[in-house]
C-alpha atoms as a PDB file:
ATOM      1  CA  MET A   1      96.406 -93.509-139.926  1.00  0.00           C
ATOM      2  CA  LEU A   2      97.994 -92.627-143.246  1.00  0.00           C
ATOM      3  CA  LYS A   3     101.448 -93.380-141.814  1.00  0.00           C
ATOM      4  CA  ARG A   4     100.290 -96.912-140.937  1.00  0.00           C
ATOM      5  CA  TRP A   5      98.125 -97.525-144.001  1.00  0.00           C
ATOM      6  CA  GLU A   6     100.295-100.346-145.389  1.00  0.00           C
ATOM      7  CA  GLY A   7     100.057-102.314-142.127  1.00  0.00           C
ATOM      8  CA  PHE A   8      96.377-101.537-141.767  1.00  0.00           C
ATOM      9  CA  THR A   9      95.548-102.890-145.221  1.00  0.00           C
ATOM     10  CA  SER A  10      97.899-105.901-145.092  1.00  0.00           C
ATOM     11  CA  PHE A  11      94.924-108.247-144.602  1.00  0.00           C
ATOM     12  CA  LEU A  12      93.836-107.470-148.159  1.00  0.00           C
ATOM     13  CA  GLY A  13      96.927-109.139-149.597  1.00  0.00           C
ATOM     14  CA  ASP A  14      97.165-112.036-147.126  1.00  0.00           C
ATOM     15  CA  GLY A  15      93.963-113.935-146.362  1.00  0.00           C
ATOM     16  CA  ARG A  16      95.505-115.565-143.275  1.00  0.00           C
ATOM     17  CA  ILE A  17      95.470-112.280-141.363  1.00  0.00           C
ATOM     18  CA  CYS A  18      92.428-111.968-139.125  1.00  0.00           C
ATOM     19  CA  LEU A  19      90.543-108.668-139.022  1.00  0.00           C
ATOM     20  CA  THR A  20      89.851-108.917-135.280  1.00  0.00           C
ATOM     21  CA  ASN A  21      91.723-109.925-132.152  1.00  0.00           C
ATOM     22  CA  ASN A  22      88.957-112.325-131.037  1.00  0.00           C
ATOM     23  CA  THR A  23      91.303-115.329-131.030  1.00  0.00           C
ATOM     24  CA  ALA A  24      93.756-113.618-128.699  1.00  0.00           C
ATOM     25  CA  GLU A  25      90.974-112.422-126.408  1.00  0.00           C
ATOM     26  CA  ARG A  26      89.446-115.905-126.196  1.00  0.00           C
ATOM     27  CA  ALA A  27      92.853-117.325-125.267  1.00  0.00           C
ATOM     28  CA  LEU A  28      93.174-114.834-122.411  1.00  0.00           C
ATOM     29  CA  ARG A  29      89.616-115.230-121.124  1.00  0.00           C
ATOM     30  CA  GLY A  30      90.349-118.369-119.085  1.00  0.00           C
ATOM     31  CA  PHE A  31      93.191-116.655-117.302  1.00  0.00           C
ATOM     32  CA  ALA A  32      91.194-113.469-116.725  1.00  0.00           C
ATOM     33  CA  LEU A  33      88.357-115.420-115.085  1.00  0.00           C
ATOM     34  CA  GLY A  34      90.730-116.439-112.300  1.00  0.00           C
ATOM     35  CA  ARG A  35      91.897-112.873-111.722  1.00  0.00           C
ATOM     36  CA  LYS A  36      90.197-112.544-108.332  1.00  0.00           C
ATOM     37  CA  SER A  37      91.767-115.813-107.219  1.00  0.00           C
ATOM     38  CA  TRP A  38      95.221-114.444-107.962  1.00  0.00           C
ATOM     39  CA  LEU A  39      94.649-111.704-105.365  1.00  0.00           C
ATOM     40  CA  PHE A  40      94.795-114.321-102.629  1.00  0.00           C
ATOM     41  CA  ALA A  41      98.085-116.033-103.471  1.00  0.00           C
ATOM     42  CA  GLY A  42      99.111-115.580 -99.816  1.00  0.00           C
ATOM     43  CA  SER A  43     102.517-114.007-100.348  1.00  0.00           C
ATOM     44  CA  ASP A  44     104.873-112.678-102.987  1.00  0.00           C
ATOM     45  CA  ARG A  45     106.462-116.121-103.201  1.00  0.00           C
ATOM     46  CA  GLY A  46     103.042-117.737-103.661  1.00  0.00           C
ATOM     47  CA  ALA A  47     102.183-115.235-106.394  1.00  0.00           C
ATOM     48  CA  ASP A  48     105.486-115.977-108.158  1.00  0.00           C
ATOM     49  CA  ARG A  49     104.706-119.702-108.063  1.00  0.00           C
ATOM     50  CA  ALA A  50     101.177-119.142-109.372  1.00  0.00           C
ATOM     51  CA  ALA A  51     102.537-117.012-112.236  1.00  0.00           C
ATOM     52  CA  PHE A  52     105.153-119.646-113.034  1.00  0.00           C
ATOM     53  CA  MET A  53     102.581-122.436-113.114  1.00  0.00           C
ATOM     54  CA  ALA A  54     100.165-120.383-115.226  1.00  0.00           C
ATOM     55  CA  THR A  55     102.979-119.701-117.689  1.00  0.00           C
ATOM     56  CA  MET A  56     103.934-123.371-117.909  1.00  0.00           C
ATOM     57  CA  ILE A  57     100.313-124.469-118.389  1.00  0.00           C
ATOM     58  CA  MET A  58      99.681-121.892-121.105  1.00  0.00           C
ATOM     59  CA  THR A  59     102.952-122.853-122.825  1.00  0.00           C
ATOM     60  CA  ALA A  60     101.830-126.488-122.860  1.00  0.00           C
ATOM     61  CA  LYS A  61      98.471-125.492-124.352  1.00  0.00           C
ATOM     62  CA  LEU A  62     100.146-123.376-127.031  1.00  0.00           C
ATOM     63  CA  ASN A  63     102.218-126.424-128.011  1.00  0.00           C
ATOM     64  CA  ASP A  64      99.115-128.654-128.265  1.00  0.00           C
ATOM     65  CA  VAL A  65     100.134-130.650-125.191  1.00  0.00           C
ATOM     66  CA  ASP A  66      97.672-131.768-122.512  1.00  0.00           C
ATOM     67  CA  PRO A  67      98.875-129.711-119.501  1.00  0.00           C
ATOM     68  CA  GLN A  68      97.753-132.255-116.898  1.00  0.00           C
ATOM     69  CA  ALA A  69      99.474-135.217-118.587  1.00  0.00           C
ATOM     70  CA  TRP A  70     102.592-133.157-119.274  1.00  0.00           C
ATOM     71  CA  LEU A  71     102.873-131.837-115.726  1.00  0.00           C
ATOM     72  CA  ALA A  72     102.274-135.271-114.163  1.00  0.00           C
ATOM     73  CA  ASP A  73     104.973-136.802-116.368  1.00  0.00           C
ATOM     74  CA  VAL A  74     107.447-133.985-115.712  1.00  0.00           C
ATOM     75  CA  LEU A  75     106.961-134.180-111.938  1.00  0.00           C
ATOM     76  CA  ALA A  76     107.435-137.954-112.033  1.00  0.00           C
ATOM     77  CA  ARG A  77     110.641-137.791-114.115  1.00  0.00           C
ATOM     78  CA  ILE A  78     112.416-134.578-113.159  1.00  0.00           C
ATOM     79  CA  ALA A  79     114.084-135.809-109.942  1.00  0.00           C
ATOM     80  CA  ASP A  80     115.936-138.645-111.706  1.00  0.00           C
ATOM     81  CA  MET A  81     116.832-136.753-114.867  1.00  0.00           C
ATOM     82  CA  PRO A  82     120.328-135.337-115.413  1.00  0.00           C
ATOM     83  CA  THR A  83     120.409-131.578-115.904  1.00  0.00           C
ATOM     84  CA  THR A  84     121.815-132.050-119.405  1.00  0.00           C
ATOM     85  CA  GLN A  85     118.549-133.732-120.467  1.00  0.00           C
ATOM     86  CA  LEU A  86     116.049-131.336-118.841  1.00  0.00           C
ATOM     87  CA  ALA A  87     115.292-129.751-122.217  1.00  0.00           C
ATOM     88  CA  GLU A  88     113.471-132.992-123.145  1.00  0.00           C
ATOM     89  CA  LEU A  89     110.784-132.093-120.593  1.00  0.00           C
ATOM     90  CA  LEU A  90     109.909-128.725-122.133  1.00  0.00           C
ATOM     91  CA  PRO A  91     106.455-128.736-123.744  1.00  0.00           C
ATOM     92  CA  TRP A  92     107.762-128.240-127.288  1.00  0.00           C
ATOM     93  CA  ASN A  93     110.183-131.201-126.903  1.00  0.00           C
ATOM     94  CA  TRP A  94     107.948-133.489-124.826  1.00  0.00           C
ATOM     95  CA  THR A  95     106.981-136.720-126.557  1.00  0.00           C
ATOM     96  CA  GLY A  96     104.472-138.017-124.017  1.00  0.00           C
ATOM     97  CA  PRO A  97     104.618-139.996-120.819  1.00  0.00           C
ATOM     98  CA  ARG A  98     107.080-142.850-120.727  1.00  0.00           C
ATOM     99  CA  PRO A  99     105.640-146.298-120.032  1.00  0.00           C
ATOM    100  CA  MET A 100     106.072-147.550-116.483  1.00  0.00           C
ATOM    101  CA  MET A 101     108.775-150.185-116.043  1.00  0.00           C
ATOM    102  CA  ALA A 102     107.392-153.555-115.014  1.00  0.00           C
ATOM    103  CA  LEU A 103     108.565-154.545-111.561  1.00  0.00           C
ATOM    104  CA  ALA A 104     110.581-157.735-111.536  1.00  0.00           C
ATOM    105  CA  SER A 105     109.124-160.341-109.197  1.00  0.00           C
END
């Protein structure tokens, strides 16, 4: 403990440092509740897809983006988007759903 004393007492000098890890544990709780569901992904490929989707959803949440709105917009736009502009669809660059074009009569 004496070797790590400076790190251990760093909260005394910086009031932004939390004394507990409650925030991190609360963030993980939602994912942990679905743990039994992840056992039944069906295959290795299904498990990889579930992990990918969970990562994308959590990334959206960490960037204060509504995951459902973001994912719906990305799925609607990704097929017609050039690969050079795909970075616009990442949660930290996403600006919200684009308005639908009015159909000409």
